[in-house]
Amino acid sequence: MLKIKVKAPAKRGLANKALMKLLARHFNIDAALIKIKQGRNRRNKILEIPDNHGAEFAG
């Protein structure tokens, strides 16, 4: 489980977009590949992040 805070407001999906951009940059993937599986309109989310050819999470 990760706890991530973004500065973008939770209006018009801006916080979700900021989250996707941040994770995409961290995992070196296209943000469009990250899917919100649950919680699109909630604070807590379940995301699907594709494996980047064996890349390990270095949180």
N, C-alpha and C. Protein backbone atom coordinates (compact mmCIF):
# COMPACT_ATOMS: atom_id res chain seq x y z
N MET A 1 0.84 -1.16 0.00
CA MET A 1 0.00 0.00 0.00
C MET A 1 0.90 1.24 0.00
N LEU A 2 0.50 2.20 -0.80
CA LEU A 2 1.21 3.49 -0.87
C LEU A 2 0.29 4.59 -0.38
N LYS A 3 0.87 5.58 0.24
CA LYS A 3 0.12 6.78 0.60
C LYS A 3 0.76 7.93 -0.15
N ILE A 4 -0.02 8.53 -1.04
CA ILE A 4 0.48 9.60 -1.90
C ILE A 4 -0.44 10.79 -1.76
N LYS A 5 0.13 11.97 -1.61
CA LYS A 5 -0.65 13.20 -1.58
C LYS A 5 -0.24 14.06 -2.77
N VAL A 6 -1.23 14.64 -3.42
CA VAL A 6 -0.97 15.57 -4.52
C VAL A 6 -1.56 16.93 -4.15
N LYS A 7 -1.00 17.97 -4.72
CA LYS A 7 -1.46 19.33 -4.42
C LYS A 7 -2.67 19.73 -5.25
N ALA A 8 -2.93 19.04 -6.34
CA ALA A 8 -4.04 19.40 -7.23
C ALA A 8 -5.37 19.20 -6.51
N PRO A 9 -6.34 20.08 -6.78
CA PRO A 9 -7.65 19.94 -6.14
C PRO A 9 -8.41 18.74 -6.70
N ALA A 10 -9.31 18.22 -5.88
CA ALA A 10 -10.10 17.06 -6.29
C ALA A 10 -11.33 17.51 -7.07
N LYS A 11 -11.15 18.41 -7.99
CA LYS A 11 -12.23 18.92 -8.83
C LYS A 11 -11.92 18.61 -10.29
N ARG A 12 -12.94 18.19 -11.01
CA ARG A 12 -12.82 17.90 -12.45
C ARG A 12 -11.71 16.88 -12.74
N GLY A 13 -11.42 16.01 -11.79
CA GLY A 13 -10.43 14.96 -12.02
C GLY A 13 -8.99 15.43 -11.98
N LEU A 14 -8.75 16.65 -11.53
CA LEU A 14 -7.39 17.19 -11.53
C LEU A 14 -6.46 16.41 -10.61
N ALA A 15 -6.96 16.00 -9.45
CA ALA A 15 -6.12 15.23 -8.52
C ALA A 15 -5.79 13.86 -9.10
N ASN A 16 -6.76 13.23 -9.75
CA ASN A 16 -6.50 11.93 -10.39
C ASN A 16 -5.45 12.07 -11.49
N LYS A 17 -5.55 13.11 -12.28
CA LYS A 17 -4.57 13.34 -13.35
C LYS A 17 -3.18 13.56 -12.78
N ALA A 18 -3.11 14.33 -11.69
CA ALA A 18 -1.81 14.58 -11.05
C ALA A 18 -1.23 13.28 -10.50
N LEU A 19 -2.08 12.45 -9.92
CA LEU A 19 -1.64 11.16 -9.40
C LEU A 19 -1.09 10.28 -10.52
N MET A 20 -1.82 10.20 -11.62
CA MET A 20 -1.38 9.37 -12.75
C MET A 20 -0.04 9.87 -13.31
N LYS A 21 0.10 11.18 -13.42
CA LYS A 21 1.33 11.76 -13.94
C LYS A 21 2.51 11.44 -13.03
N LEU A 22 2.29 11.57 -11.72
CA LEU A 22 3.35 11.29 -10.74
C LEU A 22 3.77 9.82 -10.80
N LEU A 23 2.79 8.91 -10.82
CA LEU A 23 3.11 7.48 -10.87
C LEU A 23 3.75 7.10 -12.20
N ALA A 24 3.28 7.68 -13.29
CA ALA A 24 3.85 7.38 -14.60
C ALA A 24 5.32 7.80 -14.64
N ARG A 25 5.61 8.95 -14.08
CA ARG A 25 6.99 9.42 -14.04
C ARG A 25 7.85 8.48 -13.18
N HIS A 26 7.31 8.06 -12.04
CA HIS A 26 8.06 7.19 -11.13
C HIS A 26 8.36 5.83 -11.78
N PHE A 27 7.35 5.25 -12.43
CA PHE A 27 7.50 3.92 -13.02
C PHE A 27 7.99 3.97 -14.47
N ASN A 28 8.20 5.17 -15.00
CA ASN A 28 8.70 5.35 -16.36
C ASN A 28 7.78 4.67 -17.39
N ILE A 29 6.49 4.95 -17.27
CA ILE A 29 5.50 4.42 -18.21
C ILE A 29 4.57 5.56 -18.63
N ASP A 30 3.76 5.30 -19.64
CA ASP A 30 2.77 6.27 -20.09
C ASP A 30 1.63 6.32 -19.08
N ALA A 31 1.20 7.50 -18.70
CA ALA A 31 0.13 7.65 -17.71
C ALA A 31 -1.16 6.98 -18.16
N ALA A 32 -1.37 6.88 -19.47
CA ALA A 32 -2.59 6.24 -19.99
C ALA A 32 -2.64 4.75 -19.67
N LEU A 33 -1.51 4.15 -19.32
CA LEU A 33 -1.48 2.73 -18.99
C LEU A 33 -1.94 2.45 -17.56
N ILE A 34 -2.00 3.47 -16.73
CA ILE A 34 -2.41 3.30 -15.33
C ILE A 34 -3.93 3.42 -15.27
N LYS A 35 -4.57 2.44 -14.66
CA LYS A 35 -6.03 2.40 -14.59
C LYS A 35 -6.50 2.50 -13.14
N ILE A 36 -7.54 3.28 -12.92
CA ILE A 36 -8.17 3.33 -11.61
C ILE A 36 -9.23 2.22 -11.60
N LYS A 37 -9.00 1.20 -10.78
CA LYS A 37 -9.92 0.06 -10.71
C LYS A 37 -11.08 0.36 -9.76
N GLN A 38 -10.80 1.06 -8.67
CA GLN A 38 -11.83 1.44 -7.70
C GLN A 38 -11.48 2.79 -7.10
N GLY A 39 -12.50 3.60 -6.81
CA GLY A 39 -12.28 4.83 -6.07
C GLY A 39 -12.02 6.07 -6.89
N ARG A 40 -12.49 6.10 -8.12
CA ARG A 40 -12.24 7.26 -8.98
C ARG A 40 -12.67 8.57 -8.30
N ASN A 41 -13.76 8.54 -7.55
CA ASN A 41 -14.28 9.74 -6.89
C ASN A 41 -14.07 9.71 -5.39
N ARG A 42 -13.13 8.91 -4.94
CA ARG A 42 -12.87 8.80 -3.51
C ARG A 42 -11.40 9.07 -3.22
N ARG A 43 -11.13 9.30 -1.95
CA ARG A 43 -9.75 9.55 -1.51
C ARG A 43 -8.89 8.31 -1.67
N ASN A 44 -9.42 7.14 -1.29
CA ASN A 44 -8.68 5.88 -1.39
C ASN A 44 -8.98 5.22 -2.73
N LYS A 45 -7.94 4.75 -3.39
CA LYS A 45 -8.09 4.19 -4.73
C LYS A 45 -7.36 2.86 -4.84
N ILE A 46 -7.82 2.05 -5.75
CA ILE A 46 -7.09 0.84 -6.14
C ILE A 46 -6.72 1.05 -7.60
N LEU A 47 -5.43 0.99 -7.88
CA LEU A 47 -4.92 1.24 -9.23
C LEU A 47 -4.32 -0.01 -9.83
N GLU A 48 -4.37 -0.08 -11.14
CA GLU A 48 -3.67 -1.14 -11.87
C GLU A 48 -2.52 -0.47 -12.61
N ILE A 49 -1.31 -0.91 -12.26
CA ILE A 49 -0.11 -0.36 -12.88
C ILE A 49 0.61 -1.51 -13.57
N PRO A 50 0.79 -1.45 -14.88
CA PRO A 50 1.41 -2.57 -15.58
C PRO A 50 2.88 -2.76 -15.20
N ASP A 51 3.31 -4.00 -15.26
CA ASP A 51 4.71 -4.34 -14.99
C ASP A 51 5.56 -3.73 -16.10
N ASN A 52 6.59 -3.04 -15.70
CA ASN A 52 7.48 -2.39 -16.67
C ASN A 52 8.68 -3.29 -16.93
N HIS A 53 8.42 -4.45 -17.50
CA HIS A 53 9.48 -5.40 -17.86
C HIS A 53 10.36 -5.75 -16.67
N GLY A 54 9.71 -6.11 -15.56
CA GLY A 54 10.47 -6.57 -14.40
C GLY A 54 11.00 -5.47 -13.51
N ALA A 55 10.57 -4.24 -13.74
CA ALA A 55 11.04 -3.14 -12.89
C ALA A 55 10.55 -3.36 -11.46
N GLU A 56 11.40 -3.05 -10.51
CA GLU A 56 11.04 -3.22 -9.11
C GLU A 56 10.64 -1.90 -8.52
N PHE A 57 9.71 -1.96 -7.58
CA PHE A 57 9.29 -0.75 -6.87
C PHE A 57 10.35 -0.41 -5.84
N ALA A 58 10.83 0.80 -5.90
CA ALA A 58 11.84 1.26 -4.94
C ALA A 58 11.25 2.40 -4.14
N GLY A 59 10.23 2.08 -3.35
CA GLY A 59 9.46 3.10 -2.63
C GLY A 59 10.17 3.64 -1.49
